Amino acid sequence: MPHPRLPSTQAAVTAIEALAARHGRAVSTGHDIGRDRTFAGWVGADGGGADELAAGVPHEALVEIAGPPTITVRLFVHDEAVVTVDNIAFDVPRDSVPAFLNSVWTGLVHVRQRVFPPSCTMIVTVPGESSYREAVTLYTLSPWLAGKLR
């Protein structure tokens, strides 16, 4: 089942805040608006043409969500997001961020540990999508992540 389209950074922030409220999480949000405040302003800094003006004002946001696990969501201009769960960063499409967070908070996350070759991988299963996987080192293994070991 496809996720609802989040056409803007503000729509994504609103969806994340509503989902966090449903799960009883405190949220802190910071906004960077304008070409001089966002990374997108540095990428296309060629003087500004008609195409750039039609695209609107760039808007990025940093959403910090309290509670175990600590989560930060960095929303970028071009439908990109980086979700960091207990210091493990995942590249997630902006439209999939609410489903990703819901999976983390409903227990659809685990850490797979292998003996040989020695490794740990954090796996977040999002219904209707492929799983998101990132390597975990022993130095980044938090108590919350250690509780998810398999």
Protein backbone atom coordinates (compact mmCIF):
# COMPACT_ATOMS: atom_id res chain seq x y z
CA MET A 1 0.00 0.00 0.00
CA PRO A 2 1.58 3.29 -1.03
CA HIS A 3 2.06 5.96 1.59
CA PRO A 4 0.23 9.29 1.28
CA ARG A 5 2.18 11.91 -0.63
CA LEU A 6 3.77 14.63 1.49
CA PRO A 7 4.15 17.47 -1.03
CA SER A 8 6.18 19.80 1.18
CA THR A 9 8.51 19.88 4.15
CA GLN A 10 5.75 21.49 6.25
CA ALA A 11 3.34 18.65 5.39
CA ALA A 12 5.96 16.13 6.52
CA VAL A 13 6.60 18.02 9.77
CA THR A 14 2.85 18.14 10.50
CA ALA A 15 2.50 14.39 9.85
CA ILE A 16 5.50 13.59 12.07
CA GLU A 17 4.21 15.79 14.91
CA ALA A 18 0.73 14.19 14.73
CA LEU A 19 2.22 10.68 14.77
CA ALA A 20 4.51 11.54 17.70
CA ALA A 21 1.53 12.94 19.63
CA ARG A 22 -0.38 9.69 19.04
CA HIS A 23 2.56 7.78 20.54
CA GLY A 24 2.97 10.23 23.44
CA ARG A 25 6.33 11.65 22.34
CA ALA A 26 7.59 15.19 22.89
CA VAL A 27 8.67 16.96 19.69
CA SER A 28 10.98 19.90 19.06
CA THR A 29 11.14 21.35 15.54
CA GLY A 30 13.54 23.81 13.94
CA HIS A 31 12.99 25.31 10.48
CA ASP A 32 15.51 26.66 7.96
CA ILE A 33 13.71 28.67 5.29
CA GLY A 34 15.27 30.53 2.38
CA ARG A 35 18.18 30.16 0.00
CA ASP A 36 20.66 31.58 2.47
CA ARG A 37 19.63 29.13 5.24
CA THR A 38 19.30 25.80 3.39
CA PHE A 39 21.66 23.42 1.69
CA ALA A 40 19.59 23.70 -1.51
CA GLY A 41 20.53 27.38 -1.68
CA TRP A 42 24.20 26.42 -1.93
CA VAL A 43 23.65 23.75 -4.58
CA GLY A 44 21.94 25.96 -7.15
CA ALA A 45 23.65 29.27 -6.36
CA ASP A 46 24.11 30.42 -9.97
CA GLY A 47 22.30 33.73 -9.68
CA GLY A 48 18.72 32.46 -9.83
CA GLY A 49 16.69 31.90 -12.94
CA ALA A 50 13.01 31.58 -13.72
CA ASP A 51 13.07 27.82 -12.94
CA GLU A 52 14.46 28.44 -9.47
CA LEU A 53 11.87 31.14 -8.71
CA ALA A 54 9.05 28.84 -9.83
CA ALA A 55 10.25 26.14 -7.41
CA GLY A 56 9.42 28.34 -4.41
CA VAL A 57 11.34 29.10 -1.26
CA PRO A 58 13.53 26.22 -0.01
CA HIS A 59 12.44 24.84 3.37
CA GLU A 60 14.33 22.33 5.50
CA ALA A 61 13.47 21.15 8.99
CA LEU A 62 15.06 19.31 11.90
CA VAL A 63 12.59 17.39 14.08
CA GLU A 64 13.85 16.01 17.41
CA ILE A 65 11.68 13.42 19.13
CA ALA A 66 12.26 12.50 22.79
CA GLY A 67 12.04 9.18 24.53
CA PRO A 68 13.69 5.89 24.05
CA PRO A 69 14.85 5.68 21.37
CA THR A 70 15.98 9.23 20.67
CA ILE A 71 15.09 10.13 17.09
CA THR A 72 15.99 13.04 14.86
CA VAL A 73 14.52 13.61 11.42
CA ARG A 74 16.29 15.97 9.02
CA LEU A 75 13.96 16.89 6.15
CA PHE A 76 15.59 18.30 3.03
CA VAL A 77 14.12 20.20 0.09
CA HIS A 78 14.18 17.51 -2.61
CA ASP A 79 11.93 14.82 -1.03
CA GLU A 80 14.85 13.48 1.00
CA ALA A 81 15.09 12.75 4.72
CA VAL A 82 17.64 11.34 7.13
CA VAL A 83 16.12 9.61 10.15
CA THR A 84 18.56 8.97 13.01
CA VAL A 85 17.48 6.37 15.57
CA ASP A 86 19.86 6.16 18.56
CA ASN A 87 22.77 7.49 16.45
CA ILE A 88 22.08 5.12 13.52
CA ALA A 89 21.23 7.14 10.38
CA PHE A 90 18.82 5.91 7.69
CA ASP A 91 18.14 7.55 4.31
CA VAL A 92 14.37 7.46 3.95
CA PRO A 93 12.16 9.04 1.26
CA ARG A 94 10.15 11.92 2.75
CA ASP A 95 6.81 10.21 2.01
CA SER A 96 7.91 7.10 3.97
CA VAL A 97 9.08 8.88 7.14
CA PRO A 98 5.78 8.59 9.09
CA ALA A 99 5.52 4.85 8.28
CA PHE A 100 9.18 4.38 9.26
CA LEU A 101 8.64 6.11 12.63
CA ASN A 102 5.47 4.12 13.26
CA SER A 103 7.43 0.91 12.64
CA VAL A 104 10.08 1.96 15.17
CA TRP A 105 7.50 2.82 17.82
CA THR A 106 5.37 -0.29 17.29
CA GLY A 107 8.29 -2.71 17.62
CA LEU A 108 8.98 -3.61 13.99
CA VAL A 109 12.70 -3.05 14.54
CA HIS A 110 15.40 -5.51 15.55
CA VAL A 111 19.18 -5.83 15.57
CA ARG A 112 20.61 -8.93 13.93
CA GLN A 113 23.94 -10.09 15.31
CA ARG A 114 26.25 -12.44 13.45
CA VAL A 115 29.13 -14.38 14.98
CA PHE A 116 31.15 -14.86 11.80
CA PRO A 117 31.92 -12.50 10.28
CA PRO A 118 31.21 -10.45 13.39
CA SER A 119 28.62 -7.80 12.64
CA CYS A 120 25.41 -6.17 13.84
CA THR A 121 22.70 -4.78 11.58
CA MET A 122 19.70 -2.71 12.63
CA ILE A 123 16.65 -3.64 10.56
CA VAL A 124 13.46 -1.58 10.43
CA THR A 125 10.58 -3.35 8.70
CA VAL A 126 8.07 -0.96 7.12
CA PRO A 127 4.85 -2.68 5.96
CA GLY A 128 4.44 -2.40 2.19
CA GLU A 129 8.12 -1.57 1.61
CA SER A 130 11.45 -3.29 1.72
CA SER A 131 13.29 -3.23 5.06
CA TYR A 132 15.73 -0.49 5.94
CA ARG A 133 19.12 -1.81 7.12
CA GLU A 134 22.13 -0.06 8.62
CA ALA A 135 25.29 -1.35 10.27
CA VAL A 136 25.63 -1.01 14.04
CA THR A 137 28.98 -1.04 15.83
CA LEU A 138 29.55 -2.04 19.42
CA TYR A 139 30.34 1.61 20.18
CA THR A 140 26.93 2.77 18.93
CA LEU A 141 24.97 -0.05 20.59
CA SER A 142 22.72 1.77 23.07
CA PRO A 143 20.73 0.04 25.83
CA TRP A 144 17.57 0.38 23.71
CA LEU A 145 19.30 -1.24 20.71
CA ALA A 146 20.80 -3.97 22.91
CA GLY A 147 17.26 -4.87 23.93
CA LYS A 148 16.41 -5.47 20.26
CA LEU A 149 19.23 -8.02 19.65
CA ARG A 150 18.34 -11.29 17.98
